[in-house]
Amino acid sequence: MICITTHHRLSHTIVSISGWLTVSDWPVIRQVRESVSGAVVLDLGGLETCSREGVQLLQDWLDAGARLDATTPYLQMVLRDREAGGWSTESGADAVDPDVLKPAR
C-alpha cells in the first residue's frame, strides 16, 4: 500500500510517495502523473519497498523529466543503474535483485 501526496510550489510540484510500491499501484501512480503538469520533483524518502515494475514506473517518470529529490541510497543507486543500462527488467541475471527492493535500515 502506498501513500501519495502532492505539494504545489511556484516553480514545481513535489510528489511524495511512501509505503510499498507494487504493480497494483500502477493505476494510481499513472493517474497522479497525468494530473500533475510542469516541473515535478519526486520525494521517495518514505518508500519502503519497490517492486521491479515500480522501479520501471519511477524510471519512466524520471526519463520524462521529473527530478529525484529525497530517496534511500539503495533506490537512488538502482534508479541510476537502470538509467545507465546496468540491469534489465527482462533478464534473470540482473546485477541488483529487482523482485523486491528494500532499503537498508
Protein backbone atom coordinates (compact mmCIF):
# COMPACT_ATOMS: atom_id res chain seq x y z
CA MET A 1 0.00 0.00 0.00
CA ILE A 2 1.28 3.45 -0.87
CA CYS A 3 0.52 6.98 0.16
CA ILE A 4 0.93 9.73 -2.43
CA THR A 5 0.77 13.44 -1.66
CA THR A 6 1.37 16.43 -3.90
CA HIS A 7 2.61 19.83 -2.80
CA HIS A 8 2.37 22.62 -5.34
CA ARG A 9 5.12 25.24 -5.30
CA LEU A 10 5.60 28.24 -7.58
CA SER A 11 8.13 26.56 -9.85
CA HIS A 12 7.35 22.85 -9.41
CA THR A 13 5.19 20.19 -7.81
CA ILE A 14 6.59 17.81 -5.21
CA VAL A 15 5.14 14.30 -5.43
CA SER A 16 5.85 12.30 -2.27
CA ILE A 17 5.44 8.53 -2.44
CA SER A 18 5.73 6.43 0.69
CA GLY A 19 4.94 2.86 1.64
CA TRP A 20 5.17 -0.25 -0.53
CA LEU A 21 5.05 0.30 -4.29
CA THR A 22 3.69 -2.73 -6.16
CA VAL A 23 2.13 -3.49 -9.53
CA SER A 24 -1.34 -2.89 -8.12
CA ASP A 25 -0.34 0.76 -7.53
CA TRP A 26 0.34 1.48 -11.20
CA PRO A 27 -3.10 2.99 -11.93
CA VAL A 28 -2.79 5.41 -9.01
CA ILE A 29 0.75 6.43 -9.96
CA ARG A 30 -0.27 6.95 -13.59
CA GLN A 31 -3.30 8.99 -12.53
CA VAL A 32 -1.11 11.26 -10.38
CA ARG A 33 1.46 11.56 -13.15
CA GLU A 34 -1.20 12.60 -15.66
CA SER A 35 -2.75 15.10 -13.24
CA VAL A 36 0.50 16.95 -12.50
CA SER A 37 1.76 19.47 -15.02
CA GLY A 38 5.01 21.35 -15.21
CA ALA A 39 8.19 20.52 -13.33
CA VAL A 40 7.94 17.56 -10.95
CA VAL A 41 10.18 16.63 -8.03
CA LEU A 42 9.85 13.07 -6.69
CA ASP A 43 10.28 12.62 -2.95
CA LEU A 44 10.78 8.89 -2.38
CA GLY A 45 12.26 9.15 1.10
CA GLY A 46 9.32 7.28 2.62
CA LEU A 47 9.28 4.46 0.06
CA GLU A 48 9.92 1.25 1.99
CA THR A 49 9.81 -1.31 -0.82
CA CYS A 50 9.55 -1.15 -4.56
CA SER A 51 8.82 -3.98 -6.98
CA ARG A 52 10.67 -4.38 -10.27
CA GLU A 53 7.69 -2.85 -12.05
CA GLY A 54 7.66 0.03 -9.58
CA VAL A 55 11.30 0.79 -10.39
CA GLN A 56 10.39 0.86 -14.09
CA LEU A 57 7.45 3.16 -13.41
CA LEU A 58 9.62 5.58 -11.42
CA GLN A 59 12.38 5.42 -14.03
CA ASP A 60 9.88 6.25 -16.78
CA TRP A 61 8.80 9.30 -14.80
CA LEU A 62 12.43 10.38 -14.36
CA ASP A 63 13.10 9.79 -18.06
CA ALA A 64 10.17 12.11 -18.81
CA GLY A 65 11.89 14.93 -16.89
CA ALA A 66 10.98 14.51 -13.24
CA ARG A 67 13.78 15.25 -10.78
CA LEU A 68 14.67 12.89 -7.97
CA ASP A 69 14.87 14.55 -4.57
CA ALA A 70 14.74 12.53 -1.37
CA THR A 71 15.23 8.77 -1.64
CA THR A 72 17.07 5.96 0.04
CA PRO A 73 20.67 5.46 -1.09
CA TYR A 74 19.81 1.98 -2.36
CA LEU A 75 16.86 3.09 -4.50
CA GLN A 76 18.91 6.00 -5.83
CA MET A 77 21.63 3.55 -6.88
CA VAL A 78 19.10 1.25 -8.56
CA LEU A 79 17.46 4.10 -10.46
CA ARG A 80 20.83 5.45 -11.60
CA ASP A 81 21.95 1.95 -12.57
CA ARG A 82 18.75 1.49 -14.61
CA GLU A 83 19.33 4.82 -16.29
CA ALA A 84 22.86 3.75 -17.23
CA GLY A 85 21.63 0.39 -18.51
CA GLY A 86 23.16 -1.55 -15.64
CA TRP A 87 20.32 -4.08 -15.38
CA SER A 88 17.33 -5.16 -17.36
CA THR A 89 13.83 -5.86 -16.10
CA GLU A 90 13.62 -8.72 -18.62
CA SER A 91 16.82 -10.55 -17.69
CA GLY A 92 17.10 -13.09 -14.91
CA ALA A 93 20.80 -12.25 -14.47
CA ASP A 94 20.35 -8.79 -13.03
CA ALA A 95 23.14 -7.11 -11.06
CA VAL A 96 20.57 -5.97 -8.49
CA ASP A 97 17.77 -8.22 -7.25
CA PRO A 98 14.83 -6.49 -8.94
CA ASP A 99 12.00 -8.54 -7.47
CA VAL A 100 11.67 -6.51 -4.30
CA LEU A 101 13.95 -3.64 -3.46
CA LYS A 102 14.20 -3.00 0.24
CA PRO A 103 16.33 -0.16 1.59
CA ALA A 104 18.68 -0.96 4.42
CA ARG A 105 17.62 0.35 7.81
